[in-house]
Amino acid sequence: MAGTLDLGPFWAALDAVPVDPDAEALYDGSVAGRLRRENLTRYLEVVGPHADTLLVAEAPGWRGMTNTGIPFTSMRELGPDFLAPSQPTAPWEASSRVVHAALAGWRGPLPVAWAIFPHHPFVGTDRLTNRTPRPAEVRSGAPVTLALLEALGATRVIAVGRKAQGALALARIDAIAVRHPAQGGAKQFTEQLAALSG
């Protein structure tokens, strides 16, 4: 699909997702939230009109997407066309690096990356941690993913890791699963993603 995306329903669905006390809304009206929203908008405007695939993670991590607003993108991968936060929580994220390296060899239109739960879930009160989103959080994030699929006209969903695949299944979204790049999975993730490109 090429052309301008109608992201209105996507943003409406995203803004409607409830935020528990141990989760951080990434695209709210705060200074950091507006920066992330601007970056995500630019990313979707560049990659989205041509994408036929959605690459879905489980949730944002504190080292990457919580800083940039762009899934699988830490400060190290953030290009000059995007806004940089003044005080990022981390300079890099291992998974972001692997995903960007793997996508460098992608044949065809780049997939759009997203997270089934769009807020950052953390442990207790420590925002510099990650936790698995609860089933209720996944269900609340599902309409956002569905709205993004609709806006893109994407025909294929790739789940990054079994947890993401399970989260998508909870949301009744069929997906092809690839190995998550973390914890020794980089080589297998890269090989599996390469097999799906083109």
N, C-alpha and C. Protein backbone atom coordinates (compact mmCIF):
# COMPACT_ATOMS: atom_id res chain seq x y z
N MET A 1 0.85 -1.18 0.00
CA MET A 1 0.00 0.00 0.00
C MET A 1 0.89 1.24 0.00
N ALA A 2 0.60 2.20 -0.86
CA ALA A 2 1.37 3.44 -0.90
C ALA A 2 0.41 4.61 -0.74
N GLY A 3 0.93 5.73 -0.26
CA GLY A 3 0.10 6.91 -0.08
C GLY A 3 0.12 7.38 1.36
N THR A 4 -0.81 8.27 1.68
CA THR A 4 -0.89 8.83 3.02
C THR A 4 -1.71 7.92 3.92
N LEU A 5 -1.24 7.73 5.13
CA LEU A 5 -1.94 6.88 6.09
C LEU A 5 -2.96 7.70 6.87
N ASP A 6 -4.11 7.10 7.15
CA ASP A 6 -5.07 7.70 8.07
C ASP A 6 -4.79 7.11 9.44
N LEU A 7 -4.08 7.87 10.27
CA LEU A 7 -3.69 7.39 11.59
C LEU A 7 -4.64 7.84 12.70
N GLY A 8 -5.71 8.53 12.34
CA GLY A 8 -6.68 9.00 13.35
C GLY A 8 -7.21 7.88 14.23
N PRO A 9 -7.73 6.79 13.65
CA PRO A 9 -8.24 5.70 14.49
C PRO A 9 -7.13 5.05 15.34
N PHE A 10 -5.92 4.99 14.81
CA PHE A 10 -4.79 4.44 15.56
C PHE A 10 -4.51 5.28 16.81
N TRP A 11 -4.40 6.60 16.64
CA TRP A 11 -4.12 7.46 17.78
C TRP A 11 -5.26 7.44 18.79
N ALA A 12 -6.50 7.39 18.29
CA ALA A 12 -7.65 7.34 19.19
C ALA A 12 -7.61 6.06 20.04
N ALA A 13 -7.30 4.93 19.39
CA ALA A 13 -7.20 3.66 20.12
C ALA A 13 -6.05 3.69 21.11
N LEU A 14 -4.92 4.26 20.71
CA LEU A 14 -3.75 4.33 21.59
C LEU A 14 -4.05 5.20 22.83
N ASP A 15 -4.68 6.34 22.60
CA ASP A 15 -4.98 7.25 23.71
C ASP A 15 -6.01 6.66 24.68
N ALA A 16 -6.76 5.65 24.23
CA ALA A 16 -7.80 5.05 25.06
C ALA A 16 -7.29 3.90 25.94
N VAL A 17 -6.04 3.46 25.73
CA VAL A 17 -5.50 2.33 26.50
C VAL A 17 -5.23 2.77 27.93
N PRO A 18 -5.84 2.10 28.92
CA PRO A 18 -5.62 2.50 30.32
C PRO A 18 -4.18 2.24 30.76
N VAL A 19 -3.75 3.01 31.75
CA VAL A 19 -2.38 2.91 32.26
C VAL A 19 -2.42 2.55 33.75
N ASP A 20 -1.93 1.38 34.08
CA ASP A 20 -1.83 0.97 35.49
C ASP A 20 -0.70 1.74 36.17
N PRO A 21 -0.68 1.77 37.50
CA PRO A 21 0.38 2.49 38.21
C PRO A 21 1.79 1.97 37.91
N ASP A 22 1.89 0.69 37.53
CA ASP A 22 3.21 0.14 37.20
C ASP A 22 3.42 0.04 35.69
N ALA A 23 2.91 1.04 34.99
CA ALA A 23 3.14 1.19 33.55
C ALA A 23 3.25 2.67 33.24
N GLU A 24 3.96 2.96 32.17
CA GLU A 24 4.21 4.34 31.78
C GLU A 24 3.61 4.60 30.41
N ALA A 25 2.72 5.59 30.32
CA ALA A 25 2.15 5.98 29.03
C ALA A 25 3.24 6.72 28.25
N LEU A 26 3.56 6.22 27.08
CA LEU A 26 4.67 6.80 26.33
C LEU A 26 4.29 7.98 25.45
N TYR A 27 3.01 8.11 25.12
CA TYR A 27 2.60 9.13 24.15
C TYR A 27 1.61 10.12 24.74
N ASP A 28 1.75 10.43 26.03
CA ASP A 28 0.84 11.34 26.69
C ASP A 28 1.22 12.79 26.38
N GLY A 29 0.63 13.73 27.11
CA GLY A 29 0.86 15.14 26.85
C GLY A 29 2.09 15.74 27.50
N SER A 30 2.90 14.91 28.18
CA SER A 30 4.13 15.42 28.79
C SER A 30 5.14 15.80 27.70
N VAL A 31 6.19 16.48 28.10
CA VAL A 31 7.24 16.86 27.14
C VAL A 31 7.82 15.61 26.48
N ALA A 32 8.16 14.61 27.30
CA ALA A 32 8.71 13.37 26.75
C ALA A 32 7.68 12.65 25.89
N GLY A 33 6.42 12.68 26.31
CA GLY A 33 5.36 12.02 25.54
C GLY A 33 5.15 12.67 24.18
N ARG A 34 5.21 13.99 24.13
CA ARG A 34 5.05 14.70 22.84
C ARG A 34 6.22 14.40 21.91
N LEU A 35 7.44 14.33 22.46
CA LEU A 35 8.61 13.98 21.65
C LEU A 35 8.44 12.58 21.06
N ARG A 36 8.07 11.62 21.89
CA ARG A 36 7.90 10.24 21.40
C ARG A 36 6.78 10.17 20.36
N ARG A 37 5.72 10.92 20.58
CA ARG A 37 4.60 10.93 19.63
C ARG A 37 5.04 11.50 18.28
N GLU A 38 5.82 12.56 18.32
CA GLU A 38 6.34 13.16 17.08
C GLU A 38 7.24 12.16 16.35
N ASN A 39 8.11 11.50 17.09
CA ASN A 39 9.01 10.51 16.46
C ASN A 39 8.22 9.35 15.85
N LEU A 40 7.24 8.85 16.60
CA LEU A 40 6.44 7.74 16.07
C LEU A 40 5.67 8.17 14.83
N THR A 41 5.13 9.37 14.84
CA THR A 41 4.41 9.88 13.66
C THR A 41 5.34 9.94 12.45
N ARG A 42 6.54 10.47 12.64
CA ARG A 42 7.51 10.55 11.53
C ARG A 42 7.87 9.15 11.03
N TYR A 43 8.11 8.25 11.96
CA TYR A 43 8.45 6.87 11.59
C TYR A 43 7.33 6.23 10.76
N LEU A 44 6.10 6.36 11.24
CA LEU A 44 4.98 5.75 10.51
C LEU A 44 4.75 6.41 9.16
N GLU A 45 4.99 7.70 9.06
CA GLU A 45 4.83 8.41 7.78
C GLU A 45 5.89 7.98 6.77
N VAL A 46 7.08 7.62 7.24
CA VAL A 46 8.16 7.20 6.34
C VAL A 46 8.03 5.73 5.95
N VAL A 47 7.86 4.87 6.94
CA VAL A 47 7.86 3.42 6.69
C VAL A 47 6.46 2.89 6.34
N GLY A 48 5.45 3.44 6.97
CA GLY A 48 4.10 2.91 6.87
C GLY A 48 3.46 2.82 5.50
N PRO A 49 3.57 3.86 4.66
CA PRO A 49 2.85 3.81 3.38
C PRO A 49 3.24 2.65 2.46
N HIS A 50 4.40 2.07 2.66
CA HIS A 50 4.87 1.00 1.78
C HIS A 50 4.82 -0.38 2.44
N ALA A 51 4.61 -0.42 3.75
CA ALA A 51 4.74 -1.68 4.50
C ALA A 51 3.56 -2.61 4.25
N ASP A 52 3.87 -3.90 4.13
CA ASP A 52 2.82 -4.92 4.06
C ASP A 52 2.93 -5.89 5.23
N THR A 53 3.88 -5.62 6.13
CA THR A 53 4.14 -6.50 7.27
C THR A 53 4.25 -5.67 8.54
N LEU A 54 3.68 -6.21 9.62
CA LEU A 54 3.79 -5.60 10.94
C LEU A 54 4.65 -6.53 11.79
N LEU A 55 5.72 -5.98 12.36
CA LEU A 55 6.66 -6.72 13.21
C LEU A 55 6.33 -6.36 14.66
N VAL A 56 5.75 -7.30 15.42
CA VAL A 56 5.17 -6.96 16.71
C VAL A 56 5.96 -7.53 17.88
N ALA A 57 6.34 -6.64 18.78
CA ALA A 57 6.99 -7.01 20.04
C ALA A 57 5.92 -7.12 21.13
N GLU A 58 6.35 -7.51 22.30
CA GLU A 58 5.43 -7.66 23.42
C GLU A 58 5.11 -6.31 24.07
N ALA A 59 6.15 -5.54 24.40
CA ALA A 59 5.97 -4.26 25.09
C ALA A 59 7.25 -3.44 24.96
N PRO A 60 7.16 -2.12 25.12
CA PRO A 60 8.36 -1.28 25.07
C PRO A 60 9.32 -1.59 26.21
N GLY A 61 10.61 -1.48 25.91
CA GLY A 61 11.65 -1.65 26.92
C GLY A 61 12.18 -0.31 27.38
N TRP A 62 12.70 -0.29 28.60
CA TRP A 62 13.16 0.97 29.18
C TRP A 62 14.41 1.53 28.52
N ARG A 63 15.16 0.71 27.81
CA ARG A 63 16.38 1.18 27.16
C ARG A 63 16.15 1.71 25.75
N GLY A 64 15.02 1.38 25.15
CA GLY A 64 14.82 1.73 23.74
C GLY A 64 13.61 2.60 23.48
N MET A 65 12.48 1.96 23.25
CA MET A 65 11.26 2.65 22.83
C MET A 65 10.80 3.70 23.85
N THR A 66 11.09 3.51 25.12
CA THR A 66 10.68 4.51 26.12
C THR A 66 11.43 5.83 25.92
N ASN A 67 12.58 5.78 25.28
CA ASN A 67 13.33 7.00 24.98
C ASN A 67 12.91 7.62 23.65
N THR A 68 12.81 6.79 22.63
CA THR A 68 12.63 7.29 21.26
C THR A 68 11.18 7.34 20.80
N GLY A 69 10.34 6.49 21.37
CA GLY A 69 8.96 6.39 20.90
C GLY A 69 8.79 5.47 19.72
N ILE A 70 9.89 4.94 19.21
CA ILE A 70 9.86 4.07 18.03
C ILE A 70 10.23 2.65 18.45
N PRO A 71 9.39 1.68 18.14
CA PRO A 71 9.69 0.30 18.54
C PRO A 71 11.05 -0.18 18.01
N PHE A 72 11.73 -0.96 18.83
CA PHE A 72 13.03 -1.53 18.49
C PHE A 72 14.02 -0.46 18.04
N THR A 73 13.95 0.71 18.65
CA THR A 73 14.87 1.79 18.30
C THR A 73 15.35 2.46 19.58
N SER A 74 16.64 2.30 19.86
CA SER A 74 17.23 2.98 21.01
C SER A 74 17.94 4.23 20.51
N MET A 75 18.59 4.94 21.41
CA MET A 75 19.27 6.17 21.03
C MET A 75 20.32 5.92 19.96
N ARG A 76 20.96 4.76 19.99
CA ARG A 76 22.01 4.45 19.04
C ARG A 76 21.47 4.36 17.60
N GLU A 77 20.24 3.90 17.45
CA GLU A 77 19.66 3.74 16.11
C GLU A 77 18.83 4.94 15.66
N LEU A 78 18.62 5.90 16.55
CA LEU A 78 17.77 7.05 16.23
C LEU A 78 18.49 7.94 15.22
N GLY A 79 17.91 8.10 14.06
CA GLY A 79 18.53 8.88 12.99
C GLY A 79 18.39 10.37 13.19
N PRO A 80 19.04 11.16 12.33
CA PRO A 80 19.05 12.61 12.46
C PRO A 80 17.69 13.27 12.18
N ASP A 81 16.78 12.53 11.56
CA ASP A 81 15.46 13.10 11.26
C ASP A 81 14.50 13.02 12.43
N PHE A 82 14.98 12.50 13.56
CA PHE A 82 14.11 12.32 14.72
C PHE A 82 14.59 13.15 15.89
N LEU A 83 13.69 13.38 16.84
CA LEU A 83 14.00 14.18 18.02
C LEU A 83 14.64 13.30 19.10
N ALA A 84 15.65 13.83 19.76
CA ALA A 84 16.34 13.09 20.82
C ALA A 84 15.97 13.67 22.17
N PRO A 85 15.61 12.81 23.13
CA PRO A 85 15.33 13.31 24.48
C PRO A 85 16.59 13.89 25.12
N SER A 86 16.40 14.86 25.99
CA SER A 86 17.57 15.50 26.61
C SER A 86 18.24 14.60 27.65
N GLN A 87 17.47 13.72 28.29
CA GLN A 87 18.05 12.83 29.31
C GLN A 87 17.55 11.40 29.10
N PRO A 88 18.07 10.70 28.09
CA PRO A 88 17.64 9.33 27.87
C PRO A 88 18.03 8.43 29.03
N THR A 89 17.24 7.37 29.23
CA THR A 89 17.52 6.44 30.33
C THR A 89 18.66 5.49 30.01
N ALA A 90 18.99 5.34 28.74
CA ALA A 90 20.08 4.45 28.32
C ALA A 90 20.52 4.83 26.91
N PRO A 91 21.80 4.63 26.57
CA PRO A 91 22.28 4.98 25.25
C PRO A 91 21.96 3.94 24.18
N TRP A 92 21.69 2.71 24.61
CA TRP A 92 21.48 1.66 23.62
C TRP A 92 20.66 0.52 24.23
N GLU A 93 20.17 -0.33 23.34
CA GLU A 93 19.43 -1.53 23.73
C GLU A 93 19.88 -2.64 22.79
N ALA A 94 20.24 -3.78 23.33
CA ALA A 94 20.78 -4.87 22.52
C ALA A 94 19.78 -5.34 21.46
N SER A 95 18.53 -5.52 21.82
CA SER A 95 17.53 -6.01 20.86
C SER A 95 17.35 -5.03 19.70
N SER A 96 17.36 -3.74 20.00
CA SER A 96 17.21 -2.74 18.94
C SER A 96 18.33 -2.85 17.92
N ARG A 97 19.54 -3.04 18.42
CA ARG A 97 20.69 -3.16 17.51
C ARG A 97 20.54 -4.37 16.59
N VAL A 98 20.13 -5.50 17.15
CA VAL A 98 19.97 -6.72 16.35
C VAL A 98 18.87 -6.55 15.33
N VAL A 99 17.74 -5.98 15.74
CA VAL A 99 16.61 -5.81 14.82
C VAL A 99 17.00 -4.89 13.67
N HIS A 100 17.65 -3.77 13.96
CA HIS A 100 18.05 -2.84 12.89
C HIS A 100 19.06 -3.49 11.95
N ALA A 101 19.99 -4.26 12.49
CA ALA A 101 20.97 -4.95 11.65
C ALA A 101 20.27 -5.97 10.75
N ALA A 102 19.33 -6.70 11.31
CA ALA A 102 18.60 -7.70 10.52
C ALA A 102 17.75 -7.05 9.43
N LEU A 103 17.13 -5.92 9.75
CA LEU A 103 16.29 -5.24 8.76
C LEU A 103 17.10 -4.58 7.66
N ALA A 104 18.40 -4.37 7.90
CA ALA A 104 19.26 -3.79 6.86
C ALA A 104 19.32 -4.70 5.63
N GLY A 105 19.14 -6.00 5.84
CA GLY A 105 19.15 -6.94 4.72
C GLY A 105 17.76 -7.32 4.23
N TRP A 106 16.73 -6.67 4.73
CA TRP A 106 15.34 -6.99 4.35
C TRP A 106 15.12 -6.69 2.87
N ARG A 107 14.53 -7.65 2.18
CA ARG A 107 14.19 -7.47 0.77
C ARG A 107 12.73 -7.06 0.66
N GLY A 108 12.48 -5.96 -0.03
CA GLY A 108 11.12 -5.45 -0.16
C GLY A 108 10.86 -4.32 0.82
N PRO A 109 9.60 -3.86 0.90
CA PRO A 109 9.27 -2.76 1.80
C PRO A 109 9.53 -3.15 3.26
N LEU A 110 10.14 -2.27 4.00
CA LEU A 110 10.42 -2.55 5.41
C LEU A 110 9.13 -2.75 6.19
N PRO A 111 9.14 -3.69 7.14
CA PRO A 111 7.96 -3.83 8.00
C PRO A 111 7.89 -2.68 9.00
N VAL A 112 6.69 -2.41 9.47
CA VAL A 112 6.50 -1.46 10.56
C VAL A 112 6.59 -2.24 11.87
N ALA A 113 7.36 -1.73 12.82
CA ALA A 113 7.48 -2.37 14.13
C ALA A 113 6.47 -1.75 15.09
N TRP A 114 5.94 -2.57 15.99
CA TRP A 114 4.99 -2.10 16.98
C TRP A 114 5.05 -3.03 18.19
N ALA A 115 4.39 -2.64 19.29
CA ALA A 115 4.30 -3.46 20.50
C ALA A 115 2.82 -3.69 20.82
N ILE A 116 2.46 -4.94 21.08
CA ILE A 116 1.05 -5.27 21.33
C ILE A 116 0.51 -4.50 22.53
N PHE A 117 1.34 -4.30 23.57
CA PHE A 117 0.98 -3.40 24.68
C PHE A 117 1.81 -2.14 24.52
N PRO A 118 1.19 -1.00 24.23
CA PRO A 118 1.96 0.19 23.85
C PRO A 118 2.56 0.99 24.99
N HIS A 119 2.18 0.70 26.24
CA HIS A 119 2.78 1.39 27.38
C HIS A 119 3.99 0.59 27.88
N HIS A 120 4.83 1.25 28.66
CA HIS A 120 6.00 0.55 29.20
C HIS A 120 5.65 -0.05 30.56
N PRO A 121 5.58 -1.39 30.66
CA PRO A 121 5.31 -2.02 31.95
C PRO A 121 6.60 -2.21 32.74
N PHE A 122 6.59 -1.79 34.00
CA PHE A 122 7.80 -1.91 34.82
C PHE A 122 7.48 -2.61 36.14
N VAL A 123 8.52 -2.98 36.86
CA VAL A 123 8.38 -3.74 38.10
C VAL A 123 8.28 -2.79 39.29
N GLY A 124 7.22 -2.93 40.09
CA GLY A 124 7.05 -2.10 41.27
C GLY A 124 6.96 -0.63 40.93
N THR A 125 7.92 0.15 41.43
CA THR A 125 7.96 1.58 41.13
C THR A 125 9.21 1.96 40.32
N ASP A 126 9.96 0.96 39.89
CA ASP A 126 11.23 1.20 39.19
C ASP A 126 11.02 1.24 37.68
N ARG A 127 11.02 2.44 37.11
CA ARG A 127 10.80 2.61 35.67
C ARG A 127 11.98 2.10 34.83
N LEU A 128 13.10 1.83 35.47
CA LEU A 128 14.26 1.31 34.75
C LEU A 128 14.27 -0.21 34.80
N THR A 129 13.11 -0.80 34.67
CA THR A 129 12.94 -2.25 34.60
C THR A 129 11.87 -2.55 33.54
N ASN A 130 11.77 -3.80 33.18
CA ASN A 130 10.71 -4.25 32.27
C ASN A 130 9.98 -5.41 32.93
N ARG A 131 8.69 -5.50 32.71
CA ARG A 131 7.94 -6.67 33.13
C ARG A 131 7.04 -7.11 31.98
N THR A 132 6.59 -8.34 32.05
CA THR A 132 5.66 -8.85 31.05
C THR A 132 4.30 -8.20 31.26
N PRO A 133 3.67 -7.71 30.20
CA PRO A 133 2.34 -7.14 30.38
C PRO A 133 1.32 -8.20 30.79
N ARG A 134 0.38 -7.81 31.60
CA ARG A 134 -0.68 -8.71 32.06
C ARG A 134 -1.65 -9.00 30.90
N PRO A 135 -2.38 -10.13 30.96
CA PRO A 135 -3.36 -10.42 29.91
C PRO A 135 -4.35 -9.27 29.68
N ALA A 136 -4.79 -8.62 30.75
CA ALA A 136 -5.73 -7.50 30.60
C ALA A 136 -5.07 -6.33 29.84
N GLU A 137 -3.77 -6.12 30.08
CA GLU A 137 -3.06 -5.05 29.37
C GLU A 137 -2.93 -5.38 27.89
N VAL A 138 -2.63 -6.64 27.61
CA VAL A 138 -2.55 -7.08 26.21
C VAL A 138 -3.89 -6.87 25.52
N ARG A 139 -4.97 -7.26 26.19
CA ARG A 139 -6.30 -7.09 25.59
C ARG A 139 -6.60 -5.62 25.34
N SER A 140 -6.16 -4.75 26.26
CA SER A 140 -6.43 -3.32 26.10
C SER A 140 -5.60 -2.72 24.96
N GLY A 141 -4.44 -3.33 24.67
CA GLY A 141 -3.60 -2.83 23.59
C GLY A 141 -3.96 -3.39 22.22
N ALA A 142 -4.72 -4.48 22.20
CA ALA A 142 -5.05 -5.13 20.93
C ALA A 142 -5.75 -4.21 19.93
N PRO A 143 -6.72 -3.38 20.35
CA PRO A 143 -7.37 -2.49 19.37
C PRO A 143 -6.39 -1.53 18.69
N VAL A 144 -5.31 -1.18 19.38
CA VAL A 144 -4.30 -0.29 18.79
C VAL A 144 -3.59 -1.01 17.64
N THR A 145 -3.20 -2.26 17.89
CA THR A 145 -2.54 -3.05 16.86
C THR A 145 -3.47 -3.27 15.68
N LEU A 146 -4.72 -3.56 15.96
CA LEU A 146 -5.70 -3.76 14.89
C LEU A 146 -5.91 -2.48 14.09
N ALA A 147 -5.94 -1.33 14.76
CA ALA A 147 -6.09 -0.05 14.06
C ALA A 147 -4.87 0.23 13.19
N LEU A 148 -3.69 -0.14 13.68
CA LEU A 148 -2.48 0.07 12.89
C LEU A 148 -2.47 -0.85 11.68
N LEU A 149 -2.86 -2.09 11.86
CA LEU A 149 -2.97 -3.01 10.72
C LEU A 149 -3.91 -2.46 9.66
N GLU A 150 -5.03 -1.93 10.11
CA GLU A 150 -6.02 -1.35 9.19
C GLU A 150 -5.44 -0.15 8.46
N ALA A 151 -4.77 0.73 9.19
CA ALA A 151 -4.19 1.94 8.57
C ALA A 151 -3.13 1.58 7.53
N LEU A 152 -2.34 0.56 7.84
CA LEU A 152 -1.26 0.15 6.93
C LEU A 152 -1.79 -0.66 5.75
N GLY A 153 -2.88 -1.37 5.97
CA GLY A 153 -3.32 -2.34 4.97
C GLY A 153 -2.38 -3.52 4.95
N ALA A 154 -1.70 -3.77 6.08
CA ALA A 154 -0.72 -4.86 6.15
C ALA A 154 -1.42 -6.21 6.06
N THR A 155 -0.74 -7.16 5.43
CA THR A 155 -1.31 -8.48 5.21
C THR A 155 -0.63 -9.56 6.03
N ARG A 156 0.43 -9.20 6.75
CA ARG A 156 1.17 -10.20 7.49
C ARG A 156 1.66 -9.63 8.82
N VAL A 157 1.61 -10.47 9.86
CA VAL A 157 2.09 -10.07 11.18
C VAL A 157 3.17 -11.06 11.61
N ILE A 158 4.30 -10.53 12.04
CA ILE A 158 5.39 -11.34 12.56
C ILE A 158 5.54 -11.00 14.05
N ALA A 159 5.44 -12.01 14.89
CA ALA A 159 5.61 -11.84 16.33
C ALA A 159 7.06 -12.07 16.71
N VAL A 160 7.65 -11.12 17.41
CA VAL A 160 9.04 -11.24 17.85
C VAL A 160 9.04 -11.92 19.22
N GLY A 161 9.23 -13.22 19.21
CA GLY A 161 9.25 -14.00 20.43
C GLY A 161 7.92 -14.67 20.73
N ARG A 162 8.01 -15.73 21.53
CA ARG A 162 6.81 -16.50 21.88
C ARG A 162 5.85 -15.70 22.74
N LYS A 163 6.38 -14.83 23.62
CA LYS A 163 5.50 -14.01 24.45
C LYS A 163 4.67 -13.07 23.58
N ALA A 164 5.31 -12.48 22.58
CA ALA A 164 4.56 -11.61 21.67
C ALA A 164 3.53 -12.41 20.88
N GLN A 165 3.91 -13.61 20.46
CA GLN A 165 2.96 -14.45 19.73
C GLN A 165 1.76 -14.81 20.62
N GLY A 166 2.04 -15.15 21.87
CA GLY A 166 0.96 -15.45 22.80
C GLY A 166 0.08 -14.24 23.05
N ALA A 167 0.70 -13.07 23.16
CA ALA A 167 -0.07 -11.84 23.35
C ALA A 167 -0.96 -11.56 22.15
N LEU A 168 -0.43 -11.77 20.96
CA LEU A 168 -1.23 -11.57 19.75
C LEU A 168 -2.35 -12.59 19.67
N ALA A 169 -2.07 -13.83 20.08
CA ALA A 169 -3.11 -14.86 20.08
C ALA A 169 -4.24 -14.49 21.04
N LEU A 170 -3.88 -13.93 22.21
CA LEU A 170 -4.90 -13.45 23.15
C LEU A 170 -5.79 -12.41 22.49
N ALA A 171 -5.19 -11.62 21.61
CA ALA A 171 -5.92 -10.57 20.92
C ALA A 171 -6.58 -11.08 19.62
N ARG A 172 -6.47 -12.40 19.39
CA ARG A 172 -7.04 -13.05 18.20
C ARG A 172 -6.43 -12.51 16.90
N ILE A 173 -5.11 -12.29 16.96
CA ILE A 173 -4.37 -11.86 15.78
C ILE A 173 -3.39 -12.97 15.43
N ASP A 174 -3.52 -13.55 14.25
CA ASP A 174 -2.61 -14.61 13.80
C ASP A 174 -1.26 -14.01 13.43
N ALA A 175 -0.21 -14.67 13.85
CA ALA A 175 1.13 -14.17 13.56
C ALA A 175 2.10 -15.31 13.37
N ILE A 176 3.10 -15.06 12.56
CA ILE A 176 4.25 -15.95 12.40
C ILE A 176 5.22 -15.58 13.51
N ALA A 177 5.72 -16.56 14.24
CA ALA A 177 6.65 -16.26 15.34
C ALA A 177 8.09 -16.43 14.89
N VAL A 178 8.93 -15.49 15.29
CA VAL A 178 10.38 -15.62 15.13
C VAL A 178 10.99 -15.53 16.53
N ARG A 179 12.18 -16.03 16.68
CA ARG A 179 12.90 -16.02 17.96
C ARG A 179 13.17 -14.58 18.37
N HIS A 180 13.00 -14.29 19.66
CA HIS A 180 13.36 -12.95 20.15
C HIS A 180 14.88 -12.84 20.12
N PRO A 181 15.42 -11.67 19.74
CA PRO A 181 16.88 -11.55 19.64
C PRO A 181 17.62 -11.53 20.97
N ALA A 182 16.92 -11.33 22.09
CA ALA A 182 17.58 -11.25 23.38
C ALA A 182 18.01 -12.64 23.87
N GLN A 183 18.90 -12.63 24.85
CA GLN A 183 19.34 -13.85 25.54
C GLN A 183 19.82 -14.95 24.59
N GLY A 184 20.71 -14.57 23.71
CA GLY A 184 21.33 -15.54 22.80
C GLY A 184 20.54 -15.86 21.56
N GLY A 185 19.49 -15.12 21.29
CA GLY A 185 18.65 -15.43 20.13
C GLY A 185 18.95 -14.62 18.89
N ALA A 186 19.99 -13.80 18.89
CA ALA A 186 20.26 -12.89 17.77
C ALA A 186 20.45 -13.61 16.44
N LYS A 187 21.26 -14.67 16.43
CA LYS A 187 21.55 -15.38 15.18
C LYS A 187 20.28 -16.02 14.61
N GLN A 188 19.53 -16.71 15.47
CA GLN A 188 18.32 -17.36 14.99
C GLN A 188 17.28 -16.34 14.54
N PHE A 189 17.14 -15.25 15.28
CA PHE A 189 16.21 -14.18 14.89
C PHE A 189 16.57 -13.65 13.51
N THR A 190 17.84 -13.34 13.31
CA THR A 190 18.30 -12.78 12.03
C THR A 190 18.04 -13.74 10.88
N GLU A 191 18.33 -15.01 11.09
CA GLU A 191 18.09 -16.02 10.05
C GLU A 191 16.61 -16.17 9.74
N GLN A 192 15.78 -16.22 10.78
CA GLN A 192 14.34 -16.39 10.57
C GLN A 192 13.74 -15.16 9.88
N LEU A 193 14.19 -13.98 10.28
CA LEU A 193 13.67 -12.77 9.66
C LEU A 193 14.09 -12.69 8.20
N ALA A 194 15.33 -13.07 7.90
CA ALA A 194 15.80 -13.06 6.52
C ALA A 194 14.96 -13.99 5.65
N ALA A 195 14.57 -15.13 6.20
CA ALA A 195 13.75 -16.09 5.44
C ALA A 195 12.37 -15.54 5.13
N LEU A 196 11.91 -14.56 5.92
CA LEU A 196 10.58 -14.01 5.72
C LEU A 196 10.58 -12.74 4.87
N SER A 197 11.75 -12.22 4.55
CA SER A 197 11.81 -10.97 3.79
C SER A 197 11.60 -11.21 2.30
N GLY A 198 11.24 -10.15 1.61
CA GLY A 198 11.04 -10.23 0.16
C GLY A 198 9.63 -10.40 -0.25
